Amino acid sequence: MLNRQKGATLIVVLILLVALTVIGTLAIRQSLVSLNIATNGQAQQLLIQNSDSATFNVENPNNLIRSLARDGMFGFIKGSTNKGKELIFCYRGDQSQFFNLSRASLIYEQIGSIVNNSLGVSGYCQLGSQNFFTSNRRAVLTQVSVSFVEGGNVKPFQFYIRGTDPEKAKIEQTERVVVNTVSLIPSLSTATDEEINTCLSTRLSNTNIPTHSIATCLSSLNVPFTVHVTEYTLGQAFI
């Protein structure tokens, strides 16, 4: 009888151990799921904040006149020579000036291929020895693309005041400009620095070819990123 009682006690203890193991495993899994949700939420918030910060600088009225200059963010690609090309620069936290043409690059499609070095390659965000991150936290990279576009759904004189004659009123023709801000967190990806750098320096924001798209490239590497697309209509009175 005593041996049977000892055997029953052992079985009960083993059942309790199995139950505790199952409960512990479920608790750990739940904690990991909660941690992943919290991490993803924080990452998404960081991406949105950094993209918004770049957009606010683009829209800053104090920068507008400088941006329309010949070497400005809008002025440089406004002419027919660079129309349709993307002007690229990295929004860097260690730089006091938001945009500087000496730290910008041009990228565009030409006969089915991509040309990315006609203005040099210093404008692309790059992982490596230099700090190309948006802040000293070195968490988020934000790359800005600016391009003038033609066509679309814009109607003739759509953005003019009714009754306005552009020639008599001395008003410059309005044009559409698209600003793309791509923010990403490299540390949350298993992709190598070289793979991410390739996406940033050899892919376009505005393209109809999926293999030429920076979004497609980053998605294929499972890099957490967000893309903000903002369109503006620019026009300026002159004397």
C-alpha atoms as a PDB file:
ATOM      1  CA  MET A   1       0.000   0.000   0.000  1.00  0.00           C
ATOM      2  CA  LEU A   2       2.846   2.367   0.889  1.00  0.00           C
ATOM      3  CA  ASN A   3       4.564   1.765  -2.443  1.00  0.00           C
ATOM      4  CA  ARG A   4       1.301   2.523  -4.290  1.00  0.00           C
ATOM      5  CA  GLN A   5       0.932   5.814  -2.393  1.00  0.00           C
ATOM      6  CA  LYS A   6       4.506   6.799  -3.294  1.00  0.00           C
ATOM      7  CA  GLY A   7       3.807   5.970  -6.937  1.00  0.00           C
ATOM      8  CA  ALA A   8       0.630   8.075  -6.933  1.00  0.00           C
ATOM      9  CA  THR A   9       2.496  10.987  -5.342  1.00  0.00           C
ATOM     10  CA  LEU A  10       5.159  10.804  -8.044  1.00  0.00           C
ATOM     11  CA  ILE A  11       2.512  10.864 -10.772  1.00  0.00           C
ATOM     12  CA  VAL A  12       0.808  13.875  -9.200  1.00  0.00           C
ATOM     13  CA  VAL A  13       4.144  15.709  -8.935  1.00  0.00           C
ATOM     14  CA  LEU A  14       4.965  14.955 -12.579  1.00  0.00           C
ATOM     15  CA  ILE A  15       1.541  16.221 -13.683  1.00  0.00           C
ATOM     16  CA  LEU A  16       2.075  19.409 -11.676  1.00  0.00           C
ATOM     17  CA  LEU A  17       5.513  19.896 -13.224  1.00  0.00           C
ATOM     18  CA  VAL A  18       4.095  19.430 -16.727  1.00  0.00           C
ATOM     19  CA  ALA A  19       1.301  21.903 -15.966  1.00  0.00           C
ATOM     20  CA  LEU A  20       3.761  24.458 -14.593  1.00  0.00           C
ATOM     21  CA  THR A  21       5.988  24.017 -17.643  1.00  0.00           C
ATOM     22  CA  VAL A  22       3.064  24.569 -20.012  1.00  0.00           C
ATOM     23  CA  ILE A  23       1.877  27.628 -18.067  1.00  0.00           C
ATOM     24  CA  GLY A  24       5.415  29.053 -17.989  1.00  0.00           C
ATOM     25  CA  THR A  25       5.877  28.492 -21.721  1.00  0.00           C
ATOM     26  CA  LEU A  26       2.579  30.201 -22.508  1.00  0.00           C
ATOM     27  CA  ALA A  27       3.480  33.115 -20.228  1.00  0.00           C
ATOM     28  CA  ILE A  28       6.861  33.541 -21.972  1.00  0.00           C
ATOM     29  CA  ARG A  29       5.225  33.426 -25.402  1.00  0.00           C
ATOM     30  CA  GLN A  30       2.654  35.985 -24.335  1.00  0.00           C
ATOM     31  CA  SER A  31       5.394  38.225 -22.998  1.00  0.00           C
ATOM     32  CA  LEU A  32       7.345  37.942 -26.246  1.00  0.00           C
ATOM     33  CA  VAL A  33       4.234  38.776 -28.285  1.00  0.00           C
ATOM     34  CA  SER A  34       3.552  41.796 -26.072  1.00  0.00           C
ATOM     35  CA  LEU A  35       7.194  42.874 -26.379  1.00  0.00           C
ATOM     36  CA  ASN A  36       7.064  42.578 -30.183  1.00  0.00           C
ATOM     37  CA  ILE A  37       3.862  44.609 -30.314  1.00  0.00           C
ATOM     38  CA  ALA A  38       5.377  47.309 -28.105  1.00  0.00           C
ATOM     39  CA  THR A  39       8.596  47.328 -30.157  1.00  0.00           C
ATOM     40  CA  ASN A  40       6.701  47.558 -33.439  1.00  0.00           C
ATOM     41  CA  GLY A  41       4.567  50.374 -32.064  1.00  0.00           C
ATOM     42  CA  GLN A  42       7.606  52.302 -30.879  1.00  0.00           C
ATOM     43  CA  ALA A  43       9.402  51.710 -34.188  1.00  0.00           C
ATOM     44  CA  GLN A  44       6.412  52.931 -36.189  1.00  0.00           C
ATOM     45  CA  GLN A  45       6.194  56.036 -34.023  1.00  0.00           C
ATOM     46  CA  LEU A  46       9.890  56.779 -34.537  1.00  0.00           C
ATOM     47  CA  LEU A  47       9.569  56.360 -38.300  1.00  0.00           C
ATOM     48  CA  ILE A  48       6.569  58.676 -38.506  1.00  0.00           C
ATOM     49  CA  GLN A  49       8.185  61.318 -36.288  1.00  0.00           C
ATOM     50  CA  ASN A  50      11.375  61.404 -38.355  1.00  0.00           C
ATOM     51  CA  SER A  51       9.506  61.603 -41.660  1.00  0.00           C
ATOM     52  CA  ASP A  52       7.287  64.369 -40.262  1.00  0.00           C
ATOM     53  CA  SER A  53      10.348  66.262 -39.057  1.00  0.00           C
ATOM     54  CA  ALA A  54      11.835  66.225 -42.573  1.00  0.00           C
ATOM     55  CA  THR A  55       8.526  67.334 -44.079  1.00  0.00           C
ATOM     56  CA  PHE A  56       8.246  70.231 -41.608  1.00  0.00           C
ATOM     57  CA  ASN A  57      11.680  71.439 -42.710  1.00  0.00           C
ATOM     58  CA  VAL A  58      10.626  71.276 -46.361  1.00  0.00           C
ATOM     59  CA  GLU A  59       7.556  73.401 -45.554  1.00  0.00           C
ATOM     60  CA  ASN A  60       9.403  75.863 -43.328  1.00  0.00           C
ATOM     61  CA  PRO A  61       8.635  79.360 -44.737  1.00  0.00           C
ATOM     62  CA  ASN A  62      12.102  80.532 -43.690  1.00  0.00           C
ATOM     63  CA  ASN A  63      13.646  77.987 -46.072  1.00  0.00           C
ATOM     64  CA  LEU A  64      11.338  78.585 -49.038  1.00  0.00           C
ATOM     65  CA  ILE A  65      13.210  81.457 -50.707  1.00  0.00           C
ATOM     66  CA  ARG A  66      16.503  79.611 -50.318  1.00  0.00           C
ATOM     67  CA  SER A  67      14.922  76.430 -51.703  1.00  0.00           C
ATOM     68  CA  LEU A  68      13.842  78.247 -54.888  1.00  0.00           C
ATOM     69  CA  ALA A  69      17.370  79.532 -55.614  1.00  0.00           C
ATOM     70  CA  ARG A  70      19.375  78.011 -58.470  1.00  0.00           C
ATOM     71  CA  ASP A  71      21.271  75.798 -56.018  1.00  0.00           C
ATOM     72  CA  GLY A  72      18.258  75.249 -53.761  1.00  0.00           C
ATOM     73  CA  MET A  73      16.217  72.149 -53.098  1.00  0.00           C
ATOM     74  CA  PHE A  74      13.540  73.119 -55.661  1.00  0.00           C
ATOM     75  CA  GLY A  75      15.421  75.521 -57.901  1.00  0.00           C
ATOM     76  CA  PHE A  76      18.161  73.091 -58.947  1.00  0.00           C
ATOM     77  CA  ILE A  77      15.796  70.545 -60.508  1.00  0.00           C
ATOM     78  CA  LYS A  78      13.135  72.963 -61.700  1.00  0.00           C
ATOM     79  CA  GLY A  79      14.646  73.542 -65.131  1.00  0.00           C
ATOM     80  CA  SER A  80      14.083  71.365 -68.175  1.00  0.00           C
ATOM     81  CA  THR A  81      17.514  69.726 -67.804  1.00  0.00           C
ATOM     82  CA  ASN A  82      16.664  68.029 -64.520  1.00  0.00           C
ATOM     83  CA  LYS A  83      12.869  67.846 -64.846  1.00  0.00           C
ATOM     84  CA  GLY A  84      11.724  64.342 -63.906  1.00  0.00           C
ATOM     85  CA  LYS A  85      14.947  63.484 -62.082  1.00  0.00           C
ATOM     86  CA  GLU A  86      15.013  62.919 -58.324  1.00  0.00           C
ATOM     87  CA  LEU A  87      17.185  65.107 -56.128  1.00  0.00           C
ATOM     88  CA  ILE A  88      18.274  63.004 -53.138  1.00  0.00           C
ATOM     89  CA  PHE A  89      19.711  64.052 -49.803  1.00  0.00           C
ATOM     90  CA  CYS A  90      19.989  62.504 -46.357  1.00  0.00           C
ATOM     91  CA  TYR A  91      18.280  64.264 -43.447  1.00  0.00           C
ATOM     92  CA  ARG A  92      21.175  64.184 -40.976  1.00  0.00           C
ATOM     93  CA  GLY A  93      21.022  65.245 -37.359  1.00  0.00           C
ATOM     94  CA  ASP A  94      24.682  66.296 -37.263  1.00  0.00           C
ATOM     95  CA  GLN A  95      24.171  68.893 -40.023  1.00  0.00           C
ATOM     96  CA  SER A  96      22.983  72.383 -39.074  1.00  0.00           C
ATOM     97  CA  GLN A  97      21.715  73.061 -42.618  1.00  0.00           C
ATOM     98  CA  PHE A  98      18.715  71.042 -43.779  1.00  0.00           C
ATOM     99  CA  PHE A  99      19.715  71.051 -47.460  1.00  0.00           C
ATOM    100  CA  ASN A 100      23.040  71.700 -49.115  1.00  0.00           C
ATOM    101  CA  LEU A 101      23.604  70.970 -52.799  1.00  0.00           C
ATOM    102  CA  SER A 102      27.143  69.757 -52.076  1.00  0.00           C
ATOM    103  CA  ARG A 103      25.589  66.916 -50.062  1.00  0.00           C
ATOM    104  CA  ALA A 104      22.948  65.942 -52.624  1.00  0.00           C
ATOM    105  CA  SER A 105      22.713  63.470 -55.500  1.00  0.00           C
ATOM    106  CA  LEU A 106      20.646  62.987 -58.641  1.00  0.00           C
ATOM    107  CA  ILE A 107      19.053  59.702 -59.630  1.00  0.00           C
ATOM    108  CA  TYR A 108      16.941  58.943 -62.703  1.00  0.00           C
ATOM    109  CA  GLU A 109      15.983  56.283 -65.226  1.00  0.00           C
ATOM    110  CA  GLN A 110      17.702  56.214 -68.599  1.00  0.00           C
ATOM    111  CA  ILE A 111      16.874  53.624 -71.243  1.00  0.00           C
ATOM    112  CA  GLY A 112      15.719  51.053 -68.700  1.00  0.00           C
ATOM    113  CA  SER A 113      18.635  51.511 -66.309  1.00  0.00           C
ATOM    114  CA  ILE A 114      19.274  53.785 -63.313  1.00  0.00           C
ATOM    115  CA  VAL A 115      21.851  56.582 -63.296  1.00  0.00           C
ATOM    116  CA  ASN A 116      22.758  57.636 -59.747  1.00  0.00           C
ATOM    117  CA  ASN A 117      26.140  59.384 -59.941  1.00  0.00           C
ATOM    118  CA  SER A 118      25.747  62.356 -62.290  1.00  0.00           C
ATOM    119  CA  LEU A 119      25.935  64.696 -59.264  1.00  0.00           C
ATOM    120  CA  GLY A 120      28.065  62.420 -57.085  1.00  0.00           C
ATOM    121  CA  VAL A 121      26.914  59.952 -54.452  1.00  0.00           C
ATOM    122  CA  SER A 122      27.313  61.965 -51.243  1.00  0.00           C
ATOM    123  CA  GLY A 123      23.573  62.614 -50.966  1.00  0.00           C
ATOM    124  CA  TYR A 124      22.501  59.049 -50.239  1.00  0.00           C
ATOM    125  CA  CYS A 125      22.092  57.882 -46.639  1.00  0.00           C
ATOM    126  CA  GLN A 126      24.692  55.195 -45.988  1.00  0.00           C
ATOM    127  CA  LEU A 127      25.416  52.859 -43.110  1.00  0.00           C
ATOM    128  CA  GLY A 128      29.065  52.843 -42.110  1.00  0.00           C
ATOM    129  CA  SER A 129      31.634  54.964 -40.341  1.00  0.00           C
ATOM    130  CA  GLN A 130      29.866  58.323 -40.783  1.00  0.00           C
ATOM    131  CA  ASN A 131      26.723  59.331 -38.908  1.00  0.00           C
ATOM    132  CA  PHE A 132      23.956  59.512 -41.495  1.00  0.00           C
ATOM    133  CA  PHE A 133      21.248  59.009 -38.873  1.00  0.00           C
ATOM    134  CA  THR A 134      18.571  61.589 -38.166  1.00  0.00           C
ATOM    135  CA  SER A 135      19.648  61.943 -34.521  1.00  0.00           C
ATOM    136  CA  ASN A 136      22.460  60.908 -32.209  1.00  0.00           C
ATOM    137  CA  ARG A 137      20.385  57.928 -31.108  1.00  0.00           C
ATOM    138  CA  ARG A 138      21.514  56.309 -34.396  1.00  0.00           C
ATOM    139  CA  ALA A 139      18.173  54.566 -34.777  1.00  0.00           C
ATOM    140  CA  VAL A 140      16.511  56.006 -37.898  1.00  0.00           C
ATOM    141  CA  LEU A 141      17.777  56.911 -41.365  1.00  0.00           C
ATOM    142  CA  THR A 142      15.655  59.404 -43.335  1.00  0.00           C
ATOM    143  CA  GLN A 143      16.287  59.983 -47.022  1.00  0.00           C
ATOM    144  CA  VAL A 144      14.469  62.757 -48.902  1.00  0.00           C
ATOM    145  CA  SER A 145      13.631  62.705 -52.615  1.00  0.00           C
ATOM    146  CA  VAL A 146      12.461  65.844 -54.478  1.00  0.00           C
ATOM    147  CA  SER A 147      11.234  65.794 -58.071  1.00  0.00           C
ATOM    148  CA  PHE A 148       9.138  67.932 -60.411  1.00  0.00           C
ATOM    149  CA  VAL A 149       6.493  66.063 -62.363  1.00  0.00           C
ATOM    150  CA  GLU A 150       4.482  66.798 -65.462  1.00  0.00           C
ATOM    151  CA  GLY A 151       1.022  65.720 -66.574  1.00  0.00           C
ATOM    152  CA  GLY A 152      -1.247  63.904 -64.154  1.00  0.00           C
ATOM    153  CA  ASN A 153      -4.768  65.084 -63.401  1.00  0.00           C
ATOM    154  CA  VAL A 154      -3.960  68.795 -63.293  1.00  0.00           C
ATOM    155  CA  LYS A 155      -6.330  70.884 -65.417  1.00  0.00           C
ATOM    156  CA  PRO A 156      -5.151  73.989 -67.309  1.00  0.00           C
ATOM    157  CA  PHE A 157      -5.035  77.050 -65.030  1.00  0.00           C
ATOM    158  CA  GLN A 158      -6.271  74.882 -62.143  1.00  0.00           C
ATOM    159  CA  PHE A 159      -4.196  76.701 -59.531  1.00  0.00           C
ATOM    160  CA  TYR A 160      -4.645  80.259 -60.835  1.00  0.00           C
ATOM    161  CA  ILE A 161      -7.063  82.834 -59.487  1.00  0.00           C
ATOM    162  CA  ARG A 162      -9.985  83.158 -61.880  1.00  0.00           C
ATOM    163  CA  GLY A 163      -9.423  85.880 -64.477  1.00  0.00           C
ATOM    164  CA  THR A 164      -5.641  85.897 -64.027  1.00  0.00           C
ATOM    165  CA  ASP A 165      -3.426  86.246 -67.085  1.00  0.00           C
ATOM    166  CA  PRO A 166       0.049  84.852 -66.227  1.00  0.00           C
ATOM    167  CA  GLU A 167       1.752  87.121 -68.774  1.00  0.00           C
ATOM    168  CA  LYS A 168       0.085  90.386 -67.759  1.00  0.00           C
ATOM    169  CA  ALA A 169       0.170  89.628 -64.025  1.00  0.00           C
ATOM    170  CA  LYS A 170       3.857  88.612 -64.211  1.00  0.00           C
ATOM    171  CA  ILE A 171       3.176  85.314 -62.479  1.00  0.00           C
ATOM    172  CA  GLU A 172       5.469  82.370 -62.926  1.00  0.00           C
ATOM    173  CA  GLN A 173       3.853  79.199 -64.211  1.00  0.00           C
ATOM    174  CA  THR A 174       2.770  76.878 -61.401  1.00  0.00           C
ATOM    175  CA  GLU A 175       4.432  73.477 -61.239  1.00  0.00           C
ATOM    176  CA  ARG A 176       3.940  70.310 -59.218  1.00  0.00           C
ATOM    177  CA  VAL A 177       6.704  68.992 -57.011  1.00  0.00           C
ATOM    178  CA  VAL A 178       6.643  65.699 -55.135  1.00  0.00           C
ATOM    179  CA  VAL A 179       8.637  65.143 -51.940  1.00  0.00           C
ATOM    180  CA  ASN A 180       9.164  61.582 -50.712  1.00  0.00           C
ATOM    181  CA  THR A 181      10.626  60.916 -47.268  1.00  0.00           C
ATOM    182  CA  VAL A 182      11.786  57.355 -46.637  1.00  0.00           C
ATOM    183  CA  SER A 183      12.576  56.529 -42.999  1.00  0.00           C
ATOM    184  CA  LEU A 184      13.949  53.144 -41.922  1.00  0.00           C
ATOM    185  CA  ILE A 185      15.372  51.379 -38.874  1.00  0.00           C
ATOM    186  CA  PRO A 186      18.324  49.176 -39.949  1.00  0.00           C
ATOM    187  CA  SER A 187      18.882  47.638 -36.486  1.00  0.00           C
ATOM    188  CA  LEU A 188      15.522  45.829 -36.633  1.00  0.00           C
ATOM    189  CA  SER A 189      16.535  43.977 -39.782  1.00  0.00           C
ATOM    190  CA  THR A 190      18.875  41.094 -40.550  1.00  0.00           C
ATOM    191  CA  ALA A 191      19.916  42.744 -43.817  1.00  0.00           C
ATOM    192  CA  THR A 192      23.556  43.731 -44.189  1.00  0.00           C
ATOM    193  CA  ASP A 193      24.726  47.344 -44.385  1.00  0.00           C
ATOM    194  CA  GLU A 194      25.734  46.803 -48.005  1.00  0.00           C
ATOM    195  CA  GLU A 195      22.271  45.529 -48.982  1.00  0.00           C
ATOM    196  CA  ILE A 196      20.534  48.496 -47.344  1.00  0.00           C
ATOM    197  CA  ASN A 197      23.021  50.953 -48.852  1.00  0.00           C
ATOM    198  CA  THR A 198      22.320  49.493 -52.285  1.00  0.00           C
ATOM    199  CA  CYS A 199      18.583  50.105 -51.852  1.00  0.00           C
ATOM    200  CA  LEU A 200      19.159  53.700 -50.788  1.00  0.00           C
ATOM    201  CA  SER A 201      21.612  54.614 -53.546  1.00  0.00           C
ATOM    202  CA  THR A 202      20.335  52.692 -56.582  1.00  0.00           C
ATOM    203  CA  ARG A 203      16.549  52.837 -56.297  1.00  0.00           C
ATOM    204  CA  LEU A 204      13.937  55.484 -57.087  1.00  0.00           C
ATOM    205  CA  SER A 205      10.979  56.788 -55.085  1.00  0.00           C
ATOM    206  CA  ASN A 206       8.896  57.690 -58.169  1.00  0.00           C
ATOM    207  CA  THR A 207       8.900  54.860 -60.675  1.00  0.00           C
ATOM    208  CA  ASN A 208       6.492  52.471 -62.388  1.00  0.00           C
ATOM    209  CA  ILE A 209       9.087  49.692 -62.521  1.00  0.00           C
ATOM    210  CA  PRO A 210       8.921  47.572 -59.312  1.00  0.00           C
ATOM    211  CA  THR A 211      12.562  46.472 -59.544  1.00  0.00           C
ATOM    212  CA  HIS A 212      13.618  50.152 -59.618  1.00  0.00           C
ATOM    213  CA  SER A 213      11.567  51.047 -56.513  1.00  0.00           C
ATOM    214  CA  ILE A 214      13.227  51.767 -53.164  1.00  0.00           C
ATOM    215  CA  ALA A 215      10.086  50.572 -51.352  1.00  0.00           C
ATOM    216  CA  THR A 216      10.208  47.213 -53.152  1.00  0.00           C
ATOM    217  CA  CYS A 217      13.906  46.860 -52.371  1.00  0.00           C
ATOM    218  CA  LEU A 218      13.505  47.549 -48.639  1.00  0.00           C
ATOM    219  CA  SER A 219      10.460  45.291 -48.436  1.00  0.00           C
ATOM    220  CA  SER A 220      12.400  42.391 -49.951  1.00  0.00           C
ATOM    221  CA  LEU A 221      15.008  42.809 -47.183  1.00  0.00           C
ATOM    222  CA  ASN A 222      12.342  42.973 -44.418  1.00  0.00           C
ATOM    223  CA  VAL A 223      13.639  46.365 -43.300  1.00  0.00           C
ATOM    224  CA  PRO A 224      11.089  48.342 -41.215  1.00  0.00           C
ATOM    225  CA  PHE A 225      10.381  51.569 -43.121  1.00  0.00           C
ATOM    226  CA  THR A 226       7.751  54.134 -43.915  1.00  0.00           C
ATOM    227  CA  VAL A 227       7.289  56.356 -46.964  1.00  0.00           C
ATOM    228  CA  HIS A 228       5.619  59.774 -46.795  1.00  0.00           C
ATOM    229  CA  VAL A 229       4.578  61.305 -50.108  1.00  0.00           C
ATOM    230  CA  THR A 230       3.735  65.007 -50.163  1.00  0.00           C
ATOM    231  CA  GLU A 231       2.805  66.981 -53.276  1.00  0.00           C
ATOM    232  CA  TYR A 232       3.081  70.748 -53.572  1.00  0.00           C
ATOM    233  CA  THR A 233       2.140  73.284 -56.204  1.00  0.00           C
ATOM    234  CA  LEU A 234       4.779  75.983 -56.546  1.00  0.00           C
ATOM    235  CA  GLY A 235       4.293  79.355 -58.148  1.00  0.00           C
ATOM    236  CA  GLN A 236       6.061  82.665 -57.527  1.00  0.00           C
ATOM    237  CA  ALA A 237       5.337  86.251 -58.473  1.00  0.00           C
ATOM    238  CA  PHE A 238       8.256  88.140 -59.984  1.00  0.00           C
ATOM    239  CA  ILE A 239       8.994  91.705 -61.095  1.00  0.00           C
END
